[in-house]
Structures are given as structure tokens and as C-alpha cells.
């Protein structure tokens, strides 16, 4: 627990409201159609099992549905795949992506 938390101002309340109403998502079908990925890679992106992801692509009584968090993960991955090189290095450091990129090279 922080001993001295930062005070929430009108700016932060506004940002929280914007974020909570943000309709940022991409369906597994849209992601699969756009990128040359397999179900296992979608499972990795969403931290789901392969069988759960396969269920998203089924029809009928065995069909499963992704959560809103799954849709956000896919939308964020789509954004990164489209724009990674355009993201300023400082932002990559804040997101701990620069160190990850170096370790995967």
C-alpha cells in the first residue's frame, strides 16, 4: 500500500471516465482474418487455452464467447502489430516493451 497516494483531480476523473467507456476491441474472427496467425497464437495473446480459443470459432452448443478483456487484448495486439515502429522509444520503456524487445532479438 502506498503511504502517500496521489490525489485524483478532475483531469484524472475525466480520464478514468473516458477509459471506462472506451469501446476498444477486436473480435477473434477479425484478428484471425487480418493477421496470418493460428489459434495457438491467439491463445497466447489472450492468455487463454487453445481449447477456449477453438471454442470461439465453433458454432452451435459448444461455441464459447470471448470476454471484453479478450477483445481488448486482440485490439491492443493489432495496434502494436500495425504501429510498433512508430511508438516513441520513451513510451516503449514506460510500457516495459523496449527491454522485452531487446531480450527477444
PDB file of N, CA and C in Angstrom:
ATOM      1  N   UNK A   1       0.841  -1.170   0.000  1.00  0.00           N
ATOM      2  CA  UNK A   1       0.000   0.000   0.000  1.00  0.00           C
ATOM      3  C   UNK A   1       0.890   1.238   0.000  1.00  0.00           C
ATOM      4  N   UNK A   2       0.513   2.211  -0.812  1.00  0.00           N
ATOM      5  CA  UNK A   2       1.277   3.451  -0.878  1.00  0.00           C
ATOM      6  C   UNK A   2       0.966   4.295   0.352  1.00  0.00           C
ATOM      7  N   UNK A   3       2.001   4.880   0.943  1.00  0.00           N
ATOM      8  CA  UNK A   3       1.796   5.700   2.129  1.00  0.00           C
ATOM      9  C   UNK A   3       1.282   7.089   1.782  1.00  0.00           C
ATOM     10  N   UNK A   4       1.552   7.530   0.573  1.00  0.00           N
ATOM     11  CA  UNK A   4       1.160   8.871   0.163  1.00  0.00           C
ATOM     12  C   UNK A   4       0.598   8.837  -1.261  1.00  0.00           C
ATOM     13  N   UNK A   5      -0.608   8.308  -1.465  1.00  0.00           N
ATOM     14  CA  UNK A   5      -1.131   8.201  -2.829  1.00  0.00           C
ATOM     15  C   UNK A   5      -1.391   9.573  -3.444  1.00  0.00           C
ATOM     16  N   UNK A   6      -1.292   9.617  -4.757  1.00  0.00           N
ATOM     17  CA  UNK A   6      -1.548  10.864  -5.475  1.00  0.00           C
ATOM     18  C   UNK A   6      -3.033  11.184  -5.438  1.00  0.00           C
ATOM     19  N   UNK A   7      -3.329  12.441  -5.302  1.00  0.00           N
ATOM     20  CA  UNK A   7      -4.708  12.913  -5.265  1.00  0.00           C
ATOM     21  C   UNK A   7      -5.316  12.852  -6.673  1.00  0.00           C
ATOM     22  N   UNK A   8      -6.542  12.395  -6.753  1.00  0.00           N
ATOM     23  CA  UNK A   8      -7.253  12.338  -8.034  1.00  0.00           C
ATOM     24  C   UNK A   8      -7.890  13.700  -8.295  1.00  0.00           C
ATOM     25  N   UNK A   9      -7.531  14.282  -9.430  1.00  0.00           N
ATOM     26  CA  UNK A   9      -8.061  15.594  -9.809  1.00  0.00           C
ATOM     27  C   UNK A   9      -9.163  15.411 -10.846  1.00  0.00           C
ATOM     28  N   UNK A  10      -9.739  16.515 -11.280  1.00  0.00           N
ATOM     29  CA  UNK A  10     -10.773  16.470 -12.319  1.00  0.00           C
ATOM     30  C   UNK A  10     -10.208  15.840 -13.592  1.00  0.00           C
ATOM     31  N   UNK A  11      -8.948  16.111 -13.889  1.00  0.00           N
ATOM     32  CA  UNK A  11      -8.304  15.533 -15.080  1.00  0.00           C
ATOM     33  C   UNK A  11      -8.299  14.017 -14.994  1.00  0.00           C
ATOM     34  N   UNK A  12      -7.856  13.481 -13.857  1.00  0.00           N
ATOM     35  CA  UNK A  12      -7.789  12.031 -13.690  1.00  0.00           C
ATOM     36  C   UNK A  12      -9.182  11.407 -13.689  1.00  0.00           C
ATOM     37  N   UNK A  13     -10.155  12.059 -13.044  1.00  0.00           N
ATOM     38  CA  UNK A  13     -11.533  11.546 -13.066  1.00  0.00           C
ATOM     39  C   UNK A  13     -12.054  11.484 -14.497  1.00  0.00           C
ATOM     40  N   UNK A  14     -11.730  12.512 -15.287  1.00  0.00           N
ATOM     41  CA  UNK A  14     -12.149  12.537 -16.694  1.00  0.00           C
ATOM     42  C   UNK A  14     -11.491  11.395 -17.477  1.00  0.00           C
ATOM     43  N   UNK A  15     -10.207  11.176 -17.262  1.00  0.00           N
ATOM     44  CA  UNK A  15      -9.506  10.082 -17.949  1.00  0.00           C
ATOM     45  C   UNK A  15     -10.062   8.721 -17.543  1.00  0.00           C
ATOM     46  N   UNK A  16     -10.385   8.543 -16.265  1.00  0.00           N
ATOM     47  CA  UNK A  16     -10.983   7.287 -15.803  1.00  0.00           C
ATOM     48  C   UNK A  16     -12.321   7.066 -16.485  1.00  0.00           C
ATOM     49  N   UNK A  17     -13.124   8.115 -16.602  1.00  0.00           N
ATOM     50  CA  UNK A  17     -14.418   8.009 -17.281  1.00  0.00           C
ATOM     51  C   UNK A  17     -14.236   7.664 -18.760  1.00  0.00           C
ATOM     52  N   UNK A  18     -13.296   8.334 -19.419  1.00  0.00           N
ATOM     53  CA  UNK A  18     -13.017   8.023 -20.828  1.00  0.00           C
ATOM     54  C   UNK A  18     -12.606   6.564 -20.992  1.00  0.00           C
ATOM     55  N   UNK A  19     -11.685   6.111 -20.143  1.00  0.00           N
ATOM     56  CA  UNK A  19     -11.191   4.738 -20.237  1.00  0.00           C
ATOM     57  C   UNK A  19     -12.304   3.727 -19.978  1.00  0.00           C
ATOM     58  N   UNK A  20     -13.133   3.991 -18.988  1.00  0.00           N
ATOM     59  CA  UNK A  20     -14.183   3.028 -18.638  1.00  0.00           C
ATOM     60  C   UNK A  20     -15.254   2.925 -19.717  1.00  0.00           C
ATOM     61  N   UNK A  21     -15.360   3.929 -20.575  1.00  0.00           N
ATOM     62  CA  UNK A  21     -16.340   3.898 -21.668  1.00  0.00           C
ATOM     63  C   UNK A  21     -15.704   3.643 -23.030  1.00  0.00           C
ATOM     64  N   UNK A  22     -14.422   3.330 -23.051  1.00  0.00           N
ATOM     65  CA  UNK A  22     -13.665   3.126 -24.284  1.00  0.00           C
ATOM     66  C   UNK A  22     -14.111   1.833 -24.947  1.00  0.00           C
ATOM     67  N   UNK A  23     -14.565   1.925 -26.162  1.00  0.00           N
ATOM     68  CA  UNK A  23     -15.001   0.757 -26.929  1.00  0.00           C
ATOM     69  C   UNK A  23     -13.852   0.284 -27.816  1.00  0.00           C
ATOM     70  N   UNK A  24     -12.803  -0.228 -27.206  1.00  0.00           N
ATOM     71  CA  UNK A  24     -11.599  -0.662 -27.908  1.00  0.00           C
ATOM     72  C   UNK A  24     -11.574  -2.179 -27.884  1.00  0.00           C
ATOM     73  N   UNK A  25     -11.885  -2.778 -29.007  1.00  0.00           N
ATOM     74  CA  UNK A  25     -11.902  -4.227 -29.058  1.00  0.00           C
ATOM     75  C   UNK A  25     -11.834  -4.734 -30.487  1.00  0.00           C
ATOM     76  N   UNK A  26     -11.400  -5.960 -30.626  1.00  0.00           N
ATOM     77  CA  UNK A  26     -11.339  -6.629 -31.925  1.00  0.00           C
ATOM     78  C   UNK A  26     -11.718  -8.078 -31.687  1.00  0.00           C
ATOM     79  N   UNK A  27     -12.625  -8.591 -32.501  1.00  0.00           N
ATOM     80  CA  UNK A  27     -13.060  -9.968 -32.306  1.00  0.00           C
ATOM     81  C   UNK A  27     -11.976 -10.935 -32.773  1.00  0.00           C
ATOM     82  N   UNK A  28     -11.985 -12.145 -32.233  1.00  0.00           N
ATOM     83  CA  UNK A  28     -11.034 -13.152 -32.707  1.00  0.00           C
ATOM     84  C   UNK A  28     -11.159 -13.394 -34.215  1.00  0.00           C
ATOM     85  N   UNK A  29     -12.377 -13.386 -34.725  1.00  0.00           N
ATOM     86  CA  UNK A  29     -12.589 -13.597 -36.164  1.00  0.00           C
ATOM     87  C   UNK A  29     -11.952 -12.478 -36.975  1.00  0.00           C
ATOM     88  N   UNK A  30     -12.114 -11.236 -36.528  1.00  0.00           N
ATOM     89  CA  UNK A  30     -11.497 -10.102 -37.223  1.00  0.00           C
ATOM     90  C   UNK A  30      -9.974 -10.202 -37.184  1.00  0.00           C
ATOM     91  N   UNK A  31      -9.432 -10.531 -36.010  1.00  0.00           N
ATOM     92  CA  UNK A  31      -7.979 -10.631 -35.856  1.00  0.00           C
ATOM     93  C   UNK A  31      -7.425 -11.758 -36.724  1.00  0.00           C
ATOM     94  N   UNK A  32      -8.095 -12.899 -36.693  1.00  0.00           N
ATOM     95  CA  UNK A  32      -7.672 -14.068 -37.471  1.00  0.00           C
ATOM     96  C   UNK A  32      -7.701 -13.761 -38.968  1.00  0.00           C
ATOM     97  N   UNK A  33      -8.727 -13.031 -39.414  1.00  0.00           N
ATOM     98  CA  UNK A  33      -8.848 -12.694 -40.838  1.00  0.00           C
ATOM     99  C   UNK A  33      -7.788 -11.684 -41.272  1.00  0.00           C
ATOM    100  N   UNK A  34      -7.388 -10.810 -40.366  1.00  0.00           N
ATOM    101  CA  UNK A  34      -6.432  -9.755 -40.712  1.00  0.00           C
ATOM    102  C   UNK A  34      -4.985 -10.232 -40.682  1.00  0.00           C
ATOM    103  N   UNK A  35      -4.641 -11.050 -39.705  1.00  0.00           N
ATOM    104  CA  UNK A  35      -3.256 -11.461 -39.497  1.00  0.00           C
ATOM    105  C   UNK A  35      -3.097 -12.955 -39.757  1.00  0.00           C
ATOM    106  N   UNK A  36      -1.950 -13.355 -40.229  1.00  0.00           N
ATOM    107  CA  UNK A  36      -1.667 -14.761 -40.512  1.00  0.00           C
ATOM    108  C   UNK A  36      -1.289 -15.511 -39.249  1.00  0.00           C
ATOM    109  N   UNK A  37      -2.221 -15.594 -38.327  1.00  0.00           N
ATOM    110  CA  UNK A  37      -1.973 -16.257 -37.046  1.00  0.00           C
ATOM    111  C   UNK A  37      -2.770 -17.549 -36.965  1.00  0.00           C
ATOM    112  N   UNK A  38      -2.392 -18.378 -36.012  1.00  0.00           N
ATOM    113  CA  UNK A  38      -3.169 -19.589 -35.747  1.00  0.00           C
ATOM    114  C   UNK A  38      -3.857 -19.435 -34.390  1.00  0.00           C
ATOM    115  N   UNK A  39      -4.687 -20.396 -34.052  1.00  0.00           N
ATOM    116  CA  UNK A  39      -5.438 -20.329 -32.798  1.00  0.00           C
ATOM    117  C   UNK A  39      -4.508 -20.306 -31.585  1.00  0.00           C
ATOM    118  N   UNK A  40      -3.386 -21.016 -31.675  1.00  0.00           N
ATOM    119  CA  UNK A  40      -2.443 -21.059 -30.562  1.00  0.00           C
ATOM    120  C   UNK A  40      -1.849 -19.678 -30.286  1.00  0.00           C
ATOM    121  N   UNK A  41      -1.579 -18.919 -31.342  1.00  0.00           N
ATOM    122  CA  UNK A  41      -1.043 -17.574 -31.156  1.00  0.00           C
ATOM    123  C   UNK A  41      -2.097 -16.642 -30.556  1.00  0.00           C
ATOM    124  N   UNK A  42      -3.341 -16.795 -30.975  1.00  0.00           N
ATOM    125  CA  UNK A  42      -4.420 -16.005 -30.372  1.00  0.00           C
ATOM    126  C   UNK A  42      -4.554 -16.366 -28.899  1.00  0.00           C
ATOM    127  N   UNK A  43      -4.438 -17.642 -28.576  1.00  0.00           N
ATOM    128  CA  UNK A  43      -4.498 -18.081 -27.174  1.00  0.00           C
ATOM    129  C   UNK A  43      -3.376 -17.436 -26.366  1.00  0.00           C
ATOM    130  N   UNK A  44      -2.183 -17.366 -26.932  1.00  0.00           N
ATOM    131  CA  UNK A  44      -1.042 -16.746 -26.260  1.00  0.00           C
ATOM    132  C   UNK A  44      -1.305 -15.262 -26.002  1.00  0.00           C
ATOM    133  N   UNK A  45      -1.818 -14.565 -26.994  1.00  0.00           N
ATOM    134  CA  UNK A  45      -2.111 -13.134 -26.866  1.00  0.00           C
ATOM    135  C   UNK A  45      -3.126 -12.881 -25.751  1.00  0.00           C
ATOM    136  N   UNK A  46      -4.135 -13.731 -25.672  1.00  0.00           N
ATOM    137  CA  UNK A  46      -5.236 -13.527 -24.720  1.00  0.00           C
ATOM    138  C   UNK A  46      -5.043 -14.263 -23.397  1.00  0.00           C
ATOM    139  N   UNK A  47      -3.943 -14.982 -23.249  1.00  0.00           N
ATOM    140  CA  UNK A  47      -3.698 -15.806 -22.048  1.00  0.00           C
ATOM    141  C   UNK A  47      -4.844 -16.781 -21.816  1.00  0.00           C
ATOM    142  N   UNK A  48      -5.206 -17.487 -22.864  1.00  0.00           N
ATOM    143  CA  UNK A  48      -6.279 -18.484 -22.826  1.00  0.00           C
ATOM    144  C   UNK A  48      -5.734 -19.821 -23.297  1.00  0.00           C
ATOM    145  N   UNK A  49      -6.482 -20.863 -23.023  1.00  0.00           N
ATOM    146  CA  UNK A  49      -6.091 -22.183 -23.517  1.00  0.00           C
ATOM    147  C   UNK A  49      -6.439 -22.289 -24.998  1.00  0.00           C
ATOM    148  N   UNK A  50      -5.749 -23.199 -25.672  1.00  0.00           N
ATOM    149  CA  UNK A  50      -6.049 -23.445 -27.083  1.00  0.00           C
ATOM    150  C   UNK A  50      -7.500 -23.879 -27.257  1.00  0.00           C
ATOM    151  N   UNK A  51      -8.001 -24.702 -26.354  1.00  0.00           N
ATOM    152  CA  UNK A  51      -9.378 -25.200 -26.491  1.00  0.00           C
ATOM    153  C   UNK A  51     -10.393 -24.074 -26.325  1.00  0.00           C
ATOM    154  N   UNK A  52     -10.106 -23.110 -25.454  1.00  0.00           N
ATOM    155  CA  UNK A  52     -11.008 -21.960 -25.312  1.00  0.00           C
ATOM    156  C   UNK A  52     -11.076 -21.181 -26.610  1.00  0.00           C
ATOM    157  N   UNK A  53      -9.921 -20.929 -27.205  1.00  0.00           N
ATOM    158  CA  UNK A  53      -9.893 -20.170 -28.462  1.00  0.00           C
ATOM    159  C   UNK A  53     -10.591 -20.952 -29.572  1.00  0.00           C
ATOM    160  N   UNK A  54     -10.364 -22.253 -29.642  1.00  0.00           N
ATOM    161  CA  UNK A  54     -11.076 -23.050 -30.656  1.00  0.00           C
ATOM    162  C   UNK A  54     -12.586 -22.918 -30.466  1.00  0.00           C
ATOM    163  N   UNK A  55     -13.030 -22.835 -29.223  1.00  0.00           N
ATOM    164  CA  UNK A  55     -14.451 -22.664 -28.935  1.00  0.00           C
ATOM    165  C   UNK A  55     -15.016 -21.357 -29.462  1.00  0.00           C
ATOM    166  N   UNK A  56     -14.172 -20.326 -29.542  1.00  0.00           N
ATOM    167  CA  UNK A  56     -14.623 -19.044 -30.085  1.00  0.00           C
ATOM    168  C   UNK A  56     -14.963 -19.146 -31.568  1.00  0.00           C
ATOM    169  N   UNK A  57     -14.368 -20.097 -32.249  1.00  0.00           N
ATOM    170  CA  UNK A  57     -14.571 -20.241 -33.691  1.00  0.00           C
ATOM    171  C   UNK A  57     -15.589 -21.327 -34.031  1.00  0.00           C
ATOM    172  N   UNK A  58     -16.135 -22.000 -33.018  1.00  0.00           N
ATOM    173  CA  UNK A  58     -17.158 -23.028 -33.239  1.00  0.00           C
ATOM    174  C   UNK A  58     -18.526 -22.388 -33.371  1.00  0.00           C
ATOM    175  N   UNK A  59     -19.436 -23.156 -33.935  1.00  0.00           N
ATOM    176  CA  UNK A  59     -20.849 -22.778 -33.971  1.00  0.00           C
ATOM    177  C   UNK A  59     -21.632 -23.825 -33.204  1.00  0.00           C
ATOM    178  N   UNK A  60     -22.787 -23.460 -32.730  1.00  0.00           N
ATOM    179  CA  UNK A  60     -23.640 -24.436 -32.063  1.00  0.00           C
ATOM    180  C   UNK A  60     -23.483 -24.440 -30.560  1.00  0.00           C
ATOM    181  N   UNK A  61     -23.856 -25.562 -29.958  1.00  0.00           N
ATOM    182  CA  UNK A  61     -23.920 -25.641 -28.494  1.00  0.00           C
ATOM    183  C   UNK A  61     -22.548 -25.621 -27.831  1.00  0.00           C
ATOM    184  N   UNK A  62     -21.489 -25.934 -28.546  1.00  0.00           N
ATOM    185  CA  UNK A  62     -20.140 -25.925 -27.963  1.00  0.00           C
ATOM    186  C   UNK A  62     -19.401 -24.608 -28.174  1.00  0.00           C
ATOM    187  N   UNK A  63     -20.091 -23.631 -28.750  1.00  0.00           N
ATOM    188  CA  UNK A  63     -19.448 -22.342 -29.000  1.00  0.00           C
ATOM    189  C   UNK A  63     -19.185 -21.620 -27.679  1.00  0.00           C
ATOM    190  N   UNK A  64     -18.035 -20.972 -27.605  1.00  0.00           N
ATOM    191  CA  UNK A  64     -17.683 -20.134 -26.460  1.00  0.00           C
ATOM    192  C   UNK A  64     -17.543 -18.703 -26.954  1.00  0.00           C
ATOM    193  N   UNK A  65     -17.569 -17.783 -26.021  1.00  0.00           N
ATOM    194  CA  UNK A  65     -17.504 -16.371 -26.385  1.00  0.00           C
ATOM    195  C   UNK A  65     -16.366 -15.689 -25.632  1.00  0.00           C
ATOM    196  N   UNK A  66     -15.594 -14.856 -26.344  1.00  0.00           N
ATOM    197  CA  UNK A  66     -14.503 -14.142 -25.678  1.00  0.00           C
ATOM    198  C   UNK A  66     -15.056 -13.084 -24.724  1.00  0.00           C
ATOM    199  N   UNK A  67     -14.273 -12.774 -23.703  1.00  0.00           N
ATOM    200  CA  UNK A  67     -14.650 -11.708 -22.778  1.00  0.00           C
ATOM    201  C   UNK A  67     -14.246 -10.367 -23.383  1.00  0.00           C
ATOM    202  N   UNK A  68     -14.730  -9.302 -22.754  1.00  0.00           N
ATOM    203  CA  UNK A  68     -14.337  -7.975 -23.200  1.00  0.00           C
ATOM    204  C   UNK A  68     -12.817  -7.804 -23.080  1.00  0.00           C
ATOM    205  N   UNK A  69     -12.216  -8.390 -22.051  1.00  0.00           N
ATOM    206  CA  UNK A  69     -10.755  -8.315 -21.912  1.00  0.00           C
ATOM    207  C   UNK A  69     -10.047  -9.011 -23.069  1.00  0.00           C
ATOM    208  N   UNK A  70     -10.590 -10.126 -23.541  1.00  0.00           N
ATOM    209  CA  UNK A  70     -10.006 -10.809 -24.700  1.00  0.00           C
ATOM    210  C   UNK A  70     -10.046  -9.900 -25.924  1.00  0.00           C
ATOM    211  N   UNK A  71     -11.171  -9.213 -26.123  1.00  0.00           N
ATOM    212  CA  UNK A  71     -11.311  -8.302 -27.265  1.00  0.00           C
ATOM    213  C   UNK A  71     -10.309  -7.152 -27.168  1.00  0.00           C
ATOM    214  N   UNK A  72     -10.079  -6.665 -25.953  1.00  0.00           N
ATOM    215  CA  UNK A  72      -9.092  -5.594 -25.756  1.00  0.00           C
ATOM    216  C   UNK A  72      -7.676  -6.086 -26.034  1.00  0.00           C
ATOM    217  N   UNK A  73      -7.360  -7.292 -25.574  1.00  0.00           N
ATOM    218  CA  UNK A  73      -6.027  -7.850 -25.849  1.00  0.00           C
ATOM    219  C   UNK A  73      -5.783  -7.938 -27.353  1.00  0.00           C
ATOM    220  N   UNK A  74      -6.772  -8.408 -28.091  1.00  0.00           N
ATOM    221  CA  UNK A  74      -6.606  -8.542 -29.544  1.00  0.00           C
ATOM    222  C   UNK A  74      -6.497  -7.177 -30.215  1.00  0.00           C
ATOM    223  N   UNK A  75      -7.273  -6.202 -29.763  1.00  0.00           N
ATOM    224  CA  UNK A  75      -7.193  -4.856 -30.334  1.00  0.00           C
ATOM    225  C   UNK A  75      -5.839  -4.221 -30.037  1.00  0.00           C
ATOM    226  N   UNK A  76      -5.347  -4.417 -28.826  1.00  0.00           N
ATOM    227  CA  UNK A  76      -4.039  -3.867 -28.472  1.00  0.00           C
ATOM    228  C   UNK A  76      -2.933  -4.537 -29.283  1.00  0.00           C
ATOM    229  N   UNK A  77      -3.016  -5.850 -29.459  1.00  0.00           N
ATOM    230  CA  UNK A  77      -2.014  -6.551 -30.265  1.00  0.00           C
ATOM    231  C   UNK A  77      -2.083  -6.086 -31.709  1.00  0.00           C
ATOM    232  N   UNK A  78      -3.280  -5.874 -32.231  1.00  0.00           N
ATOM    233  CA  UNK A  78      -3.446  -5.349 -33.587  1.00  0.00           C
ATOM    234  C   UNK A  78      -2.769  -3.983 -33.702  1.00  0.00           C
ATOM    235  N   UNK A  79      -2.996  -3.126 -32.712  1.00  0.00           N
ATOM    236  CA  UNK A  79      -2.365  -1.807 -32.704  1.00  0.00           C
ATOM    237  C   UNK A  79      -0.842  -1.929 -32.700  1.00  0.00           C
ATOM    238  N   UNK A  80      -0.310  -2.797 -31.842  1.00  0.00           N
ATOM    239  CA  UNK A  80       1.146  -2.971 -31.780  1.00  0.00           C
ATOM    240  C   UNK A  80       1.700  -3.516 -33.091  1.00  0.00           C
ATOM    241  N   UNK A  81       1.013  -4.474 -33.693  1.00  0.00           N
ATOM    242  CA  UNK A  81       1.477  -5.027 -34.970  1.00  0.00           C
ATOM    243  C   UNK A  81       1.475  -3.962 -36.063  1.00  0.00           C
ATOM    244  N   UNK A  82       0.510  -3.071 -36.028  1.00  0.00           N
ATOM    245  CA  UNK A  82       0.407  -2.009 -37.040  1.00  0.00           C
ATOM    246  C   UNK A  82       1.383  -0.856 -36.792  1.00  0.00           C
ATOM    247  N   UNK A  83       1.641  -0.525 -35.522  1.00  0.00           N
ATOM    248  CA  UNK A  83       2.298   0.750 -35.217  1.00  0.00           C
ATOM    249  C   UNK A  83       3.527   0.657 -34.321  1.00  0.00           C
ATOM    250  N   UNK A  84       4.052  -0.529 -34.067  1.00  0.00           N
ATOM    251  CA  UNK A  84       5.148  -0.678 -33.103  1.00  0.00           C
ATOM    252  C   UNK A  84       6.324   0.245 -33.405  1.00  0.00           C
ATOM    253  N   UNK A  85       6.736   0.312 -34.646  1.00  0.00           N
ATOM    254  CA  UNK A  85       7.911   1.116 -35.011  1.00  0.00           C
ATOM    255  C   UNK A  85       7.652   2.614 -34.852  1.00  0.00           C
ATOM    256  N   UNK A  86       6.389   3.019 -34.823  1.00  0.00           N
ATOM    257  CA  UNK A  86       6.047   4.437 -34.681  1.00  0.00           C
ATOM    258  C   UNK A  86       5.981   4.882 -33.221  1.00  0.00           C
ATOM    259  N   UNK A  87       5.971   3.951 -32.294  1.00  0.00           N
ATOM    260  CA  UNK A  87       5.844   4.291 -30.875  1.00  0.00           C
ATOM    261  C   UNK A  87       7.178   4.845 -30.391  1.00  0.00           C
ATOM    262  N   UNK A  88       7.172   6.037 -29.785  1.00  0.00           N
ATOM    263  CA  UNK A  88       8.427   6.619 -29.295  1.00  0.00           C
ATOM    264  C   UNK A  88       9.123   5.685 -28.303  1.00  0.00           C
ATOM    265  N   UNK A  89      10.441   5.681 -28.368  1.00  0.00           N
ATOM    266  CA  UNK A  89      11.235   4.786 -27.524  1.00  0.00           C
ATOM    267  C   UNK A  89      10.937   4.979 -26.042  1.00  0.00           C
ATOM    268  N   UNK A  90      10.716   6.222 -25.637  1.00  0.00           N
ATOM    269  CA  UNK A  90      10.409   6.512 -24.234  1.00  0.00           C
ATOM    270  C   UNK A  90       9.121   5.804 -23.793  1.00  0.00           C
ATOM    271  N   UNK A  91       8.131   5.781 -24.661  1.00  0.00           N
ATOM    272  CA  UNK A  91       6.870   5.095 -24.345  1.00  0.00           C
ATOM    273  C   UNK A  91       7.107   3.589 -24.252  1.00  0.00           C
ATOM    274  N   UNK A  92       7.922   3.038 -25.133  1.00  0.00           N
ATOM    275  CA  UNK A  92       8.252   1.610 -25.063  1.00  0.00           C
ATOM    276  C   UNK A  92       8.916   1.271 -23.731  1.00  0.00           C
ATOM    277  N   UNK A  93       9.772   2.162 -23.247  1.00  0.00           N
ATOM    278  CA  UNK A  93      10.406   1.950 -21.936  1.00  0.00           C
ATOM    279  C   UNK A  93       9.365   1.980 -20.828  1.00  0.00           C
ATOM    280  N   UNK A  94       8.445   2.950 -20.867  1.00  0.00           N
ATOM    281  CA  UNK A  94       7.395   3.043 -19.843  1.00  0.00           C
ATOM    282  C   UNK A  94       6.554   1.777 -19.804  1.00  0.00           C
ATOM    283  N   UNK A  95       6.298   1.217 -20.975  1.00  0.00           N
ATOM    284  CA  UNK A  95       5.468   0.013 -21.079  1.00  0.00           C
ATOM    285  C   UNK A  95       6.279  -1.270 -20.891  1.00  0.00           C
ATOM    286  N   UNK A  96       7.565  -1.127 -20.643  1.00  0.00           N
ATOM    287  CA  UNK A  96       8.480  -2.266 -20.471  1.00  0.00           C
ATOM    288  C   UNK A  96       8.538  -3.131 -21.732  1.00  0.00           C
ATOM    289  N   UNK A  97       8.322  -2.516 -22.875  1.00  0.00           N
ATOM    290  CA  UNK A  97       8.405  -3.242 -24.143  1.00  0.00           C
ATOM    291  C   UNK A  97       9.796  -3.148 -24.757  1.00  0.00           C
ATOM    292  N   UNK A  98      10.528  -2.100 -24.464  1.00  0.00           N
ATOM    293  CA  UNK A  98      11.857  -1.943 -25.052  1.00  0.00           C
ATOM    294  C   UNK A  98      12.795  -3.024 -24.534  1.00  0.00           C
ATOM    295  N   UNK A  99      12.780  -3.276 -23.221  1.00  0.00           N
ATOM    296  CA  UNK A  99      13.632  -4.324 -22.656  1.00  0.00           C
ATOM    297  C   UNK A  99      13.224  -5.688 -23.190  1.00  0.00           C
ATOM    298  N   UNK A 100      11.929  -5.903 -23.337  1.00  0.00           N
ATOM    299  CA  UNK A 100      11.431  -7.166 -23.872  1.00  0.00           C
ATOM    300  C   UNK A 100      11.886  -7.343 -25.312  1.00  0.00           C
ATOM    301  N   UNK A 101      11.790  -6.271 -26.101  1.00  0.00           N
ATOM    302  CA  UNK A 101      12.221  -6.335 -27.498  1.00  0.00           C
ATOM    303  C   UNK A 101      13.698  -6.704 -27.584  1.00  0.00           C
ATOM    304  N   UNK A 102      14.528  -6.103 -26.724  1.00  0.00           N
ATOM    305  CA  UNK A 102      15.966  -6.400 -26.731  1.00  0.00           C
ATOM    306  C   UNK A 102      16.236  -7.845 -26.338  1.00  0.00           C
ATOM    307  N   UNK A 103      15.460  -8.386 -25.405  1.00  0.00           N
ATOM    308  CA  UNK A 103      15.693  -9.762 -24.957  1.00  0.00           C
ATOM    309  C   UNK A 103      15.246 -10.786 -25.997  1.00  0.00           C
ATOM    310  N   UNK A 104      14.335 -10.396 -26.892  1.00  0.00           N
ATOM    311  CA  UNK A 104      13.852 -11.316 -27.923  1.00  0.00           C
ATOM    312  C   UNK A 104      14.671 -11.240 -29.202  1.00  0.00           C
ATOM    313  N   UNK A 105      15.529 -10.226 -29.318  1.00  0.00           N
ATOM    314  CA  UNK A 105      16.321 -10.047 -30.543  1.00  0.00           C
ATOM    315  C   UNK A 105      17.430 -11.058 -30.636  1.00  0.00           C
TER     316      UNK A 105
END
